[in-house]
């Protein structure tokens, strides 16, 4: 979690297989409020305050993590990177303690943000943030063909193979049972 205050929880998550393409922040000395836009056009937020200057980082190919961030009680700033590790943009204020780089697992992009918003007694607001990653199914399936020849996600037939395996075991069991019973009957006929 970037920031250590608690308050009102929020969750800004892109729907389905979409991912975050824009991060919006209202900034004074630190980030007071946030919003986001997803690859499917969905707008998320706002969470927190609209006070301060609007800043944003945009990447149509999505965000792969951040190369650095700064926090104190709240998220002060974040420097986003793409999935190749190239810096996209820094958004936020100038304060806070540095936080090391954080990346989504290979093949994934940032799909949302959750955390807490809070208001200090003097009315100043802040926000904490945890970024979430998810699979980028679009880039993995654009060039693949399904078994019906259409572009899209490759179908999985694992359950079919499991079912066929069970059926094969049952058939072999039946054959062995018939052979054993036939052998016993033949042996009994010879004894008579």
N, C-alpha and C. Protein backbone atom coordinates (compact mmCIF):
# COMPACT_ATOMS: atom_id res chain seq x y z
N UNK A 1 0.86 -1.17 0.00
CA UNK A 1 0.00 0.00 0.00
C UNK A 1 0.90 1.23 0.00
N UNK A 2 0.61 2.14 -0.88
CA UNK A 2 1.35 3.41 -0.93
C UNK A 2 0.62 4.41 -0.04
N UNK A 3 1.22 4.75 1.08
CA UNK A 3 0.59 5.58 2.10
C UNK A 3 0.15 4.69 3.25
N UNK A 4 0.04 5.29 4.45
CA UNK A 4 -0.26 4.44 5.61
C UNK A 4 -1.48 4.89 6.40
N UNK A 5 -2.23 5.84 5.93
CA UNK A 5 -3.44 6.29 6.63
C UNK A 5 -4.62 5.39 6.28
N UNK A 6 -5.57 5.34 7.18
CA UNK A 6 -6.83 4.66 6.90
C UNK A 6 -7.93 5.71 6.81
N UNK A 7 -9.05 5.32 6.31
CA UNK A 7 -10.17 6.23 6.16
C UNK A 7 -11.28 5.52 5.42
N UNK A 8 -11.85 6.21 4.45
CA UNK A 8 -12.94 5.65 3.67
C UNK A 8 -12.36 4.79 2.54
N UNK A 9 -12.70 3.50 2.49
CA UNK A 9 -12.15 2.66 1.43
C UNK A 9 -12.74 3.00 0.05
N UNK A 10 -11.93 2.79 -0.98
CA UNK A 10 -12.40 2.94 -2.35
C UNK A 10 -11.80 1.82 -3.19
N UNK A 11 -12.42 1.55 -4.32
CA UNK A 11 -11.91 0.56 -5.27
C UNK A 11 -12.29 1.01 -6.68
N UNK A 12 -11.30 1.24 -7.50
CA UNK A 12 -11.49 1.66 -8.89
C UNK A 12 -10.91 0.57 -9.78
N UNK A 13 -11.76 -0.35 -10.24
CA UNK A 13 -11.29 -1.51 -10.99
C UNK A 13 -11.88 -1.51 -12.41
N UNK A 14 -11.04 -1.69 -13.41
CA UNK A 14 -11.50 -1.78 -14.80
C UNK A 14 -12.31 -3.06 -14.99
N UNK A 15 -13.39 -2.99 -15.75
CA UNK A 15 -14.24 -4.18 -15.92
C UNK A 15 -13.65 -5.19 -16.91
N UNK A 16 -14.07 -6.43 -16.73
CA UNK A 16 -13.71 -7.50 -17.68
C UNK A 16 -12.22 -7.62 -17.90
N UNK A 17 -11.83 -7.70 -19.17
CA UNK A 17 -10.42 -7.84 -19.53
C UNK A 17 -9.78 -6.50 -19.86
N UNK A 18 -10.41 -5.39 -19.48
CA UNK A 18 -9.83 -4.08 -19.78
C UNK A 18 -8.74 -3.74 -18.77
N UNK A 19 -7.95 -2.74 -19.08
CA UNK A 19 -6.84 -2.32 -18.23
C UNK A 19 -6.80 -0.79 -18.20
N UNK A 20 -6.07 -0.26 -17.24
CA UNK A 20 -6.00 1.18 -17.06
C UNK A 20 -5.14 1.83 -18.14
N UNK A 21 -5.68 2.86 -18.80
CA UNK A 21 -4.94 3.59 -19.83
C UNK A 21 -4.69 5.04 -19.43
N UNK A 22 -5.35 5.49 -18.37
CA UNK A 22 -5.16 6.87 -17.93
C UNK A 22 -5.30 6.94 -16.42
N UNK A 23 -4.39 7.66 -15.79
CA UNK A 23 -4.42 7.88 -14.34
C UNK A 23 -4.56 9.38 -14.14
N UNK A 24 -5.62 9.80 -13.46
CA UNK A 24 -5.87 11.22 -13.18
C UNK A 24 -5.64 11.48 -11.71
N UNK A 25 -4.99 12.60 -11.40
CA UNK A 25 -4.74 12.94 -10.01
C UNK A 25 -4.96 14.42 -9.78
N UNK A 26 -5.61 14.73 -8.66
CA UNK A 26 -5.71 16.10 -8.19
C UNK A 26 -4.57 16.30 -7.20
N UNK A 27 -3.70 17.27 -7.46
CA UNK A 27 -2.46 17.40 -6.71
C UNK A 27 -2.33 18.78 -6.08
N UNK A 28 -2.00 18.80 -4.79
CA UNK A 28 -1.51 20.01 -4.11
C UNK A 28 -0.06 19.70 -3.76
N UNK A 29 0.20 19.41 -2.48
CA UNK A 29 1.55 18.99 -2.10
C UNK A 29 1.73 17.49 -2.33
N UNK A 30 0.63 16.79 -2.32
CA UNK A 30 0.58 15.35 -2.58
C UNK A 30 -0.68 15.08 -3.37
N UNK A 31 -0.96 13.82 -3.66
CA UNK A 31 -2.16 13.47 -4.42
C UNK A 31 -3.36 13.47 -3.47
N UNK A 32 -4.34 14.33 -3.78
CA UNK A 32 -5.53 14.48 -2.95
C UNK A 32 -6.70 13.62 -3.43
N UNK A 33 -6.74 13.31 -4.71
CA UNK A 33 -7.83 12.53 -5.27
C UNK A 33 -7.39 11.91 -6.59
N UNK A 34 -8.03 10.83 -6.96
CA UNK A 34 -7.64 10.14 -8.20
C UNK A 34 -8.87 9.69 -8.98
N UNK A 35 -8.63 9.37 -10.23
CA UNK A 35 -9.60 8.76 -11.11
C UNK A 35 -8.81 8.00 -12.17
N UNK A 36 -9.48 7.27 -13.01
CA UNK A 36 -8.78 6.51 -14.04
C UNK A 36 -9.71 6.28 -15.22
N UNK A 37 -9.11 5.92 -16.34
CA UNK A 37 -9.87 5.52 -17.52
C UNK A 37 -9.35 4.17 -17.96
N UNK A 38 -10.26 3.32 -18.44
CA UNK A 38 -9.91 1.95 -18.83
C UNK A 38 -9.86 1.82 -20.36
N UNK A 39 -9.23 0.76 -20.82
CA UNK A 39 -9.07 0.52 -22.26
C UNK A 39 -10.40 0.35 -22.98
N UNK A 40 -11.47 -0.01 -22.26
CA UNK A 40 -12.78 -0.14 -22.89
C UNK A 40 -13.58 1.16 -22.85
N UNK A 41 -12.95 2.26 -22.37
CA UNK A 41 -13.60 3.57 -22.32
C UNK A 41 -14.27 3.88 -20.99
N UNK A 42 -14.32 2.93 -20.06
CA UNK A 42 -14.94 3.15 -18.76
C UNK A 42 -14.13 4.17 -17.97
N UNK A 43 -14.82 5.16 -17.37
CA UNK A 43 -14.18 6.11 -16.47
C UNK A 43 -14.41 5.66 -15.04
N UNK A 44 -13.38 5.71 -14.22
CA UNK A 44 -13.45 5.29 -12.83
C UNK A 44 -13.21 6.47 -11.91
N UNK A 45 -13.94 6.54 -10.82
CA UNK A 45 -13.72 7.58 -9.83
C UNK A 45 -14.63 8.77 -10.04
N UNK A 46 -14.37 9.82 -9.36
CA UNK A 46 -13.16 10.06 -8.58
C UNK A 46 -13.23 9.45 -7.18
N UNK A 47 -12.05 9.28 -6.59
CA UNK A 47 -11.92 8.91 -5.19
C UNK A 47 -11.08 10.00 -4.55
N UNK A 48 -11.52 10.49 -3.41
CA UNK A 48 -10.79 11.57 -2.75
C UNK A 48 -11.32 12.93 -3.17
N UNK A 49 -10.45 13.92 -3.07
CA UNK A 49 -10.83 15.31 -3.29
C UNK A 49 -10.54 15.76 -4.72
N UNK A 50 -11.31 16.77 -5.16
CA UNK A 50 -11.04 17.38 -6.46
C UNK A 50 -10.19 18.64 -6.31
N UNK A 51 -9.72 18.90 -5.08
CA UNK A 51 -8.90 20.08 -4.85
C UNK A 51 -7.52 19.90 -5.47
N UNK A 52 -6.95 20.98 -5.93
CA UNK A 52 -5.60 20.96 -6.49
C UNK A 52 -5.62 20.94 -8.00
N UNK A 53 -4.43 20.89 -8.57
CA UNK A 53 -4.27 20.87 -10.03
C UNK A 53 -4.47 19.47 -10.56
N UNK A 54 -5.17 19.37 -11.71
CA UNK A 54 -5.39 18.07 -12.35
C UNK A 54 -4.13 17.70 -13.13
N UNK A 55 -3.61 16.50 -12.86
CA UNK A 55 -2.46 15.94 -13.59
C UNK A 55 -2.86 14.58 -14.07
N UNK A 56 -2.24 14.13 -15.15
CA UNK A 56 -2.57 12.79 -15.63
C UNK A 56 -1.40 12.16 -16.36
N UNK A 57 -1.41 10.84 -16.33
CA UNK A 57 -0.49 10.02 -17.12
C UNK A 57 -1.37 9.18 -18.03
N UNK A 58 -0.98 9.08 -19.30
CA UNK A 58 -1.78 8.34 -20.28
C UNK A 58 -0.90 7.38 -21.06
N UNK A 59 -1.39 6.18 -21.27
CA UNK A 59 -0.71 5.19 -22.10
C UNK A 59 -1.78 4.27 -22.69
N UNK A 60 -2.03 4.38 -23.99
CA UNK A 60 -3.05 3.54 -24.63
C UNK A 60 -2.71 2.06 -24.55
N UNK A 61 -1.42 1.73 -24.43
CA UNK A 61 -1.02 0.33 -24.30
C UNK A 61 -1.03 -0.15 -22.85
N UNK A 62 -1.37 0.75 -21.92
CA UNK A 62 -1.48 0.37 -20.51
C UNK A 62 -0.22 0.63 -19.72
N UNK A 63 -0.34 0.45 -18.41
CA UNK A 63 0.75 0.66 -17.47
C UNK A 63 1.24 -0.69 -16.94
N UNK A 64 2.55 -0.87 -16.91
CA UNK A 64 3.13 -2.12 -16.41
C UNK A 64 3.56 -2.05 -14.97
N UNK A 65 3.44 -0.88 -14.34
CA UNK A 65 3.85 -0.71 -12.95
C UNK A 65 4.35 0.71 -12.76
N UNK A 66 5.24 0.88 -11.78
CA UNK A 66 5.87 2.19 -11.59
C UNK A 66 7.35 2.01 -11.31
N UNK A 67 8.14 2.97 -11.83
CA UNK A 67 9.58 2.90 -11.62
C UNK A 67 9.97 3.47 -10.27
N UNK A 68 9.16 4.40 -9.77
CA UNK A 68 9.36 4.92 -8.42
C UNK A 68 8.06 5.57 -7.96
N UNK A 69 7.97 5.71 -6.67
CA UNK A 69 6.83 6.39 -6.06
C UNK A 69 7.34 7.03 -4.78
N UNK A 70 6.56 7.95 -4.23
CA UNK A 70 6.89 8.59 -2.97
C UNK A 70 5.64 8.59 -2.10
N UNK A 71 5.83 8.27 -0.84
CA UNK A 71 4.70 8.22 0.08
C UNK A 71 5.09 8.79 1.43
N UNK A 72 4.10 9.11 2.19
CA UNK A 72 4.19 9.45 3.60
C UNK A 72 2.92 8.88 4.18
N UNK A 73 2.08 9.77 4.71
CA UNK A 73 0.75 9.33 5.13
C UNK A 73 -0.09 8.97 3.91
N UNK A 74 0.20 9.61 2.78
CA UNK A 74 -0.58 9.39 1.57
C UNK A 74 0.35 9.11 0.39
N UNK A 75 -0.26 8.84 -0.74
CA UNK A 75 0.49 8.72 -1.98
C UNK A 75 0.88 10.13 -2.41
N UNK A 76 2.18 10.40 -2.49
CA UNK A 76 2.66 11.72 -2.88
C UNK A 76 2.85 11.82 -4.39
N UNK A 77 3.50 10.81 -4.97
CA UNK A 77 3.72 10.82 -6.42
C UNK A 77 3.99 9.40 -6.90
N UNK A 78 3.81 9.21 -8.20
CA UNK A 78 4.08 7.91 -8.82
C UNK A 78 4.58 8.15 -10.24
N UNK A 79 5.62 7.40 -10.63
CA UNK A 79 6.17 7.47 -11.99
C UNK A 79 5.82 6.16 -12.68
N UNK A 80 4.88 6.23 -13.61
CA UNK A 80 4.40 5.04 -14.30
C UNK A 80 5.37 4.58 -15.38
N UNK A 81 5.39 3.26 -15.60
CA UNK A 81 6.18 2.66 -16.68
C UNK A 81 5.26 1.80 -17.54
N UNK A 82 5.67 1.56 -18.78
CA UNK A 82 4.91 0.65 -19.64
C UNK A 82 5.36 -0.78 -19.36
N UNK A 83 4.83 -1.74 -20.09
CA UNK A 83 5.16 -3.15 -19.82
C UNK A 83 6.60 -3.50 -20.18
N UNK A 84 7.28 -2.62 -20.92
CA UNK A 84 8.70 -2.84 -21.24
C UNK A 84 9.63 -2.15 -20.25
N UNK A 85 9.06 -1.41 -19.29
CA UNK A 85 9.86 -0.72 -18.29
C UNK A 85 10.23 0.71 -18.65
N UNK A 86 9.71 1.22 -19.77
CA UNK A 86 9.98 2.60 -20.18
C UNK A 86 9.12 3.57 -19.38
N UNK A 87 9.72 4.68 -18.92
CA UNK A 87 8.99 5.67 -18.14
C UNK A 87 7.95 6.36 -19.01
N UNK A 88 6.73 6.45 -18.49
CA UNK A 88 5.64 7.14 -19.18
C UNK A 88 5.52 8.56 -18.65
N UNK A 89 5.29 8.72 -17.35
CA UNK A 89 5.11 10.04 -16.77
C UNK A 89 5.06 9.95 -15.26
N UNK A 90 5.49 11.04 -14.60
CA UNK A 90 5.36 11.18 -13.16
C UNK A 90 4.15 12.05 -12.87
N UNK A 91 3.35 11.62 -11.91
CA UNK A 91 2.16 12.37 -11.50
C UNK A 91 2.22 12.52 -9.99
N UNK A 92 2.03 13.76 -9.51
CA UNK A 92 1.95 13.97 -8.07
C UNK A 92 2.73 15.17 -7.60
N UNK A 93 2.92 15.21 -6.28
CA UNK A 93 3.61 16.32 -5.63
C UNK A 93 5.10 16.05 -5.51
N UNK A 94 5.73 16.82 -4.62
CA UNK A 94 7.20 16.74 -4.50
C UNK A 94 7.65 16.14 -3.18
N UNK A 95 6.74 15.81 -2.27
CA UNK A 95 7.12 15.29 -0.96
C UNK A 95 7.18 13.78 -0.92
N UNK A 96 7.30 13.28 0.31
CA UNK A 96 7.25 11.85 0.53
C UNK A 96 8.60 11.17 0.52
N UNK A 97 8.60 9.95 1.00
CA UNK A 97 9.79 9.10 1.01
C UNK A 97 9.75 8.18 -0.19
N UNK A 98 10.92 7.93 -0.81
CA UNK A 98 10.92 7.08 -2.01
C UNK A 98 10.51 5.65 -1.73
N UNK A 99 9.85 5.07 -2.70
CA UNK A 99 9.41 3.67 -2.66
C UNK A 99 10.03 2.98 -3.87
N UNK A 100 10.52 1.75 -3.71
CA UNK A 100 11.16 1.08 -4.84
C UNK A 100 10.20 0.74 -5.98
N UNK A 101 10.80 0.42 -7.11
CA UNK A 101 10.06 0.03 -8.31
C UNK A 101 9.12 -1.14 -8.02
N UNK A 102 7.99 -1.14 -8.70
CA UNK A 102 7.02 -2.23 -8.60
C UNK A 102 6.48 -2.50 -9.99
N UNK A 103 6.45 -3.78 -10.39
CA UNK A 103 5.96 -4.16 -11.73
C UNK A 103 4.90 -5.24 -11.62
N UNK A 104 3.98 -5.21 -12.58
CA UNK A 104 3.02 -6.29 -12.72
C UNK A 104 3.76 -7.54 -13.18
N UNK A 105 3.22 -8.73 -12.90
CA UNK A 105 3.82 -9.95 -13.44
C UNK A 105 3.86 -9.89 -14.98
N UNK A 106 4.76 -10.63 -15.56
CA UNK A 106 4.93 -10.65 -17.01
C UNK A 106 3.60 -10.90 -17.72
N UNK A 107 3.33 -10.09 -18.75
CA UNK A 107 2.11 -10.25 -19.53
C UNK A 107 0.89 -9.59 -18.93
N UNK A 108 1.06 -8.89 -17.80
CA UNK A 108 -0.08 -8.24 -17.16
C UNK A 108 0.11 -6.73 -17.13
N UNK A 109 -1.00 -6.03 -16.91
CA UNK A 109 -1.01 -4.57 -16.83
C UNK A 109 -1.84 -4.15 -15.62
N UNK A 110 -1.70 -2.88 -15.22
CA UNK A 110 -2.50 -2.37 -14.11
C UNK A 110 -3.96 -2.33 -14.54
N UNK A 111 -4.81 -2.95 -13.74
CA UNK A 111 -6.24 -3.02 -14.04
C UNK A 111 -7.09 -2.23 -13.04
N UNK A 112 -6.47 -1.71 -11.99
CA UNK A 112 -7.25 -0.94 -11.03
C UNK A 112 -6.43 -0.48 -9.84
N UNK A 113 -7.11 0.27 -8.98
CA UNK A 113 -6.49 0.87 -7.79
C UNK A 113 -7.49 0.75 -6.65
N UNK A 114 -6.99 0.46 -5.46
CA UNK A 114 -7.83 0.49 -4.27
C UNK A 114 -7.04 1.14 -3.15
N UNK A 115 -7.72 1.52 -2.09
CA UNK A 115 -7.05 2.13 -0.96
C UNK A 115 -8.04 2.86 -0.08
N UNK A 116 -7.58 3.97 0.54
CA UNK A 116 -8.41 4.77 1.45
C UNK A 116 -8.26 6.25 1.12
N UNK A 117 -9.33 6.97 1.30
CA UNK A 117 -9.27 8.44 1.26
C UNK A 117 -9.46 8.92 2.69
N UNK A 118 -8.88 10.07 3.03
CA UNK A 118 -9.02 10.59 4.38
C UNK A 118 -8.99 12.12 4.34
N UNK A 119 -9.51 12.73 5.39
CA UNK A 119 -9.49 14.18 5.54
C UNK A 119 -8.91 14.50 6.91
N UNK A 120 -7.89 15.35 6.93
CA UNK A 120 -7.27 15.77 8.18
C UNK A 120 -8.15 16.81 8.87
N UNK A 121 -7.93 17.07 10.16
CA UNK A 121 -8.76 18.05 10.88
C UNK A 121 -8.76 19.44 10.23
N UNK A 122 -7.69 19.80 9.54
CA UNK A 122 -7.64 21.13 8.89
C UNK A 122 -8.31 21.12 7.51
N UNK A 123 -8.93 19.99 7.13
CA UNK A 123 -9.65 19.90 5.87
C UNK A 123 -8.81 19.41 4.69
N UNK A 124 -7.51 19.23 4.89
CA UNK A 124 -6.64 18.74 3.82
C UNK A 124 -6.92 17.25 3.62
N UNK A 125 -7.01 16.84 2.36
CA UNK A 125 -7.33 15.45 2.06
C UNK A 125 -6.11 14.70 1.52
N UNK A 126 -6.19 13.41 1.59
CA UNK A 126 -5.13 12.56 1.05
C UNK A 126 -5.71 11.23 0.62
N UNK A 127 -4.85 10.43 0.03
CA UNK A 127 -5.30 9.15 -0.51
C UNK A 127 -4.16 8.13 -0.40
N UNK A 128 -4.49 6.89 -0.09
CA UNK A 128 -3.53 5.80 -0.17
C UNK A 128 -3.90 4.97 -1.40
N UNK A 129 -2.95 4.20 -1.91
CA UNK A 129 -3.24 3.46 -3.14
C UNK A 129 -2.50 2.14 -3.19
N UNK A 130 -3.20 1.14 -3.68
CA UNK A 130 -2.61 -0.15 -4.03
C UNK A 130 -3.02 -0.43 -5.46
N UNK A 131 -2.05 -0.66 -6.32
CA UNK A 131 -2.34 -0.94 -7.73
C UNK A 131 -2.53 -2.44 -7.91
N UNK A 132 -3.47 -2.80 -8.80
CA UNK A 132 -3.79 -4.21 -9.06
C UNK A 132 -3.48 -4.54 -10.52
N UNK A 133 -3.00 -5.75 -10.75
CA UNK A 133 -2.66 -6.19 -12.10
C UNK A 133 -3.62 -7.28 -12.56
N UNK A 134 -3.72 -7.40 -13.86
CA UNK A 134 -4.53 -8.46 -14.45
C UNK A 134 -3.99 -8.81 -15.81
N UNK A 135 -4.43 -9.94 -16.32
CA UNK A 135 -3.97 -10.40 -17.63
C UNK A 135 -4.47 -9.47 -18.71
N UNK A 136 -3.64 -9.25 -19.69
CA UNK A 136 -4.02 -8.46 -20.86
C UNK A 136 -4.41 -9.45 -21.95
N UNK A 137 -5.63 -9.93 -21.90
CA UNK A 137 -6.05 -10.97 -22.84
C UNK A 137 -6.09 -10.46 -24.27
N UNK A 138 -6.33 -9.18 -24.49
CA UNK A 138 -6.43 -8.64 -25.85
C UNK A 138 -5.12 -8.84 -26.61
N UNK A 139 -3.98 -8.45 -26.00
CA UNK A 139 -2.72 -8.56 -26.73
C UNK A 139 -2.31 -10.02 -26.92
N UNK A 140 -2.78 -10.92 -26.08
CA UNK A 140 -2.44 -12.32 -26.22
C UNK A 140 -3.27 -13.03 -27.28
N UNK A 141 -4.45 -12.50 -27.61
CA UNK A 141 -5.34 -13.24 -28.48
C UNK A 141 -5.60 -12.57 -29.82
N UNK A 142 -5.14 -11.34 -30.02
CA UNK A 142 -5.43 -10.64 -31.28
C UNK A 142 -5.03 -11.44 -32.51
N UNK A 143 -3.88 -12.10 -32.44
CA UNK A 143 -3.38 -12.79 -33.62
C UNK A 143 -3.65 -14.29 -33.59
N UNK A 144 -4.33 -14.78 -32.60
CA UNK A 144 -4.62 -16.20 -32.51
C UNK A 144 -5.96 -16.50 -33.16
N UNK A 145 -6.07 -17.68 -33.71
CA UNK A 145 -7.34 -18.13 -34.28
C UNK A 145 -7.88 -19.24 -33.40
N UNK A 146 -9.18 -19.20 -33.14
CA UNK A 146 -9.80 -20.27 -32.39
C UNK A 146 -10.06 -21.43 -33.34
N UNK A 147 -10.53 -22.52 -32.79
CA UNK A 147 -10.78 -23.70 -33.61
C UNK A 147 -11.86 -23.47 -34.65
N UNK A 148 -12.71 -22.46 -34.46
CA UNK A 148 -13.73 -22.17 -35.47
C UNK A 148 -13.23 -21.14 -36.49
N UNK A 149 -11.94 -20.77 -36.43
CA UNK A 149 -11.34 -19.88 -37.42
C UNK A 149 -11.49 -18.41 -37.13
N UNK A 150 -12.14 -18.05 -36.03
CA UNK A 150 -12.34 -16.65 -35.69
C UNK A 150 -11.24 -16.18 -34.76
N UNK A 151 -10.94 -14.88 -34.81
CA UNK A 151 -9.95 -14.31 -33.91
C UNK A 151 -10.54 -14.24 -32.52
N UNK A 152 -9.73 -14.58 -31.53
CA UNK A 152 -10.20 -14.53 -30.15
C UNK A 152 -9.39 -15.45 -29.28
N UNK A 153 -9.88 -15.69 -28.10
CA UNK A 153 -9.15 -16.52 -27.15
C UNK A 153 -9.20 -17.99 -27.56
N UNK A 154 -8.07 -18.67 -27.46
CA UNK A 154 -7.97 -20.09 -27.80
C UNK A 154 -8.82 -20.90 -26.83
N UNK A 155 -9.63 -21.80 -27.35
CA UNK A 155 -10.50 -22.61 -26.52
C UNK A 155 -9.69 -23.67 -25.79
N UNK A 156 -10.12 -23.99 -24.59
CA UNK A 156 -9.46 -25.02 -23.80
C UNK A 156 -10.31 -26.29 -23.81
N UNK A 157 -9.68 -27.42 -24.15
CA UNK A 157 -10.38 -28.69 -24.19
C UNK A 157 -9.87 -29.64 -23.12
N UNK A 158 -9.27 -29.13 -22.07
CA UNK A 158 -8.73 -29.96 -21.01
C UNK A 158 -9.80 -30.88 -20.43
N UNK A 159 -10.99 -30.35 -20.18
CA UNK A 159 -12.06 -31.16 -19.58
C UNK A 159 -12.45 -32.32 -20.49
N UNK A 160 -12.35 -32.13 -21.80
CA UNK A 160 -12.68 -33.20 -22.75
C UNK A 160 -11.68 -34.35 -22.60
N UNK A 161 -10.39 -34.00 -22.50
CA UNK A 161 -9.36 -35.02 -22.35
C UNK A 161 -9.51 -35.77 -21.03
N UNK A 162 -9.88 -35.08 -19.99
CA UNK A 162 -10.09 -35.74 -18.70
C UNK A 162 -11.26 -36.71 -18.79
N UNK A 163 -12.36 -36.27 -19.39
CA UNK A 163 -13.53 -37.12 -19.56
C UNK A 163 -13.20 -38.35 -20.40
N UNK A 164 -12.46 -38.16 -21.50
CA UNK A 164 -12.06 -39.30 -22.34
C UNK A 164 -11.18 -40.27 -21.57
N UNK A 165 -10.32 -39.76 -20.72
CA UNK A 165 -9.47 -40.62 -19.90
C UNK A 165 -10.29 -41.49 -18.97
N UNK A 166 -11.29 -40.89 -18.30
CA UNK A 166 -12.16 -41.66 -17.42
C UNK A 166 -12.95 -42.71 -18.20
N UNK A 167 -13.47 -42.34 -19.35
CA UNK A 167 -14.22 -43.31 -20.17
C UNK A 167 -13.32 -44.47 -20.59
N UNK A 168 -12.08 -44.19 -20.97
CA UNK A 168 -11.15 -45.23 -21.37
C UNK A 168 -10.89 -46.19 -20.20
N UNK A 169 -10.74 -45.67 -19.01
CA UNK A 169 -10.52 -46.51 -17.82
C UNK A 169 -11.73 -47.40 -17.57
N UNK A 170 -12.93 -46.85 -17.71
CA UNK A 170 -14.16 -47.63 -17.51
C UNK A 170 -14.26 -48.74 -18.55
N UNK A 171 -13.99 -48.42 -19.81
CA UNK A 171 -14.06 -49.43 -20.88
C UNK A 171 -13.05 -50.55 -20.65
N UNK A 172 -11.83 -50.20 -20.28
CA UNK A 172 -10.81 -51.21 -20.00
C UNK A 172 -11.26 -52.09 -18.82
N UNK A 173 -11.85 -51.47 -17.79
CA UNK A 173 -12.35 -52.23 -16.64
C UNK A 173 -13.44 -53.21 -17.05
N UNK A 174 -14.33 -52.78 -17.92
CA UNK A 174 -15.41 -53.67 -18.40
C UNK A 174 -14.82 -54.83 -19.20
N UNK A 175 -13.87 -54.55 -20.07
CA UNK A 175 -13.24 -55.61 -20.88
C UNK A 175 -12.55 -56.62 -19.99
N UNK A 176 -11.80 -56.15 -19.01
CA UNK A 176 -11.10 -57.07 -18.10
C UNK A 176 -12.11 -57.91 -17.33
N UNK A 177 -13.20 -57.30 -16.87
CA UNK A 177 -14.24 -58.03 -16.13
C UNK A 177 -14.86 -59.12 -17.00
N UNK A 178 -15.16 -58.80 -18.27
CA UNK A 178 -15.76 -59.77 -19.19
C UNK A 178 -14.79 -60.92 -19.44
N UNK A 179 -13.52 -60.60 -19.64
CA UNK A 179 -12.51 -61.64 -19.90
C UNK A 179 -12.37 -62.55 -18.68
N UNK A 180 -12.31 -61.97 -17.50
CA UNK A 180 -12.15 -62.76 -16.28
C UNK A 180 -13.38 -63.66 -16.08
N UNK A 181 -14.58 -63.11 -16.25
CA UNK A 181 -15.81 -63.90 -16.08
C UNK A 181 -15.88 -65.00 -17.13
N UNK A 182 -15.53 -64.68 -18.39
CA UNK A 182 -15.54 -65.69 -19.45
C UNK A 182 -14.55 -66.79 -19.14
N UNK A 183 -13.37 -66.42 -18.64
CA UNK A 183 -12.35 -67.41 -18.30
C UNK A 183 -12.81 -68.33 -17.19
N UNK A 184 -13.46 -67.78 -16.18
CA UNK A 184 -13.96 -68.58 -15.07
C UNK A 184 -15.06 -69.52 -15.55
N UNK A 185 -15.97 -69.01 -16.41
CA UNK A 185 -17.07 -69.83 -16.91
C UNK A 185 -16.51 -70.98 -17.76
N UNK A 186 -15.51 -70.68 -18.60
CA UNK A 186 -14.91 -71.72 -19.44
C UNK A 186 -14.24 -72.76 -18.56
N UNK A 187 -13.54 -72.31 -17.50
CA UNK A 187 -12.87 -73.21 -16.58
C UNK A 187 -13.90 -74.08 -15.85
N UNK A 188 -15.04 -73.51 -15.49
CA UNK A 188 -16.09 -74.25 -14.81
C UNK A 188 -16.71 -75.28 -15.77
N UNK A 189 -16.89 -74.92 -17.06
CA UNK A 189 -17.45 -75.83 -18.06
C UNK A 189 -16.52 -77.03 -18.24
N UNK A 190 -15.22 -76.82 -18.20
CA UNK A 190 -14.25 -77.90 -18.39
C UNK A 190 -14.27 -78.86 -17.22
N UNK A 191 -14.56 -78.33 -16.02
CA UNK A 191 -14.60 -79.16 -14.81
C UNK A 191 -15.81 -80.09 -14.80
N UNK A 192 -16.86 -79.75 -15.51
CA UNK A 192 -18.08 -80.56 -15.49
C UNK A 192 -17.84 -81.73 -16.34
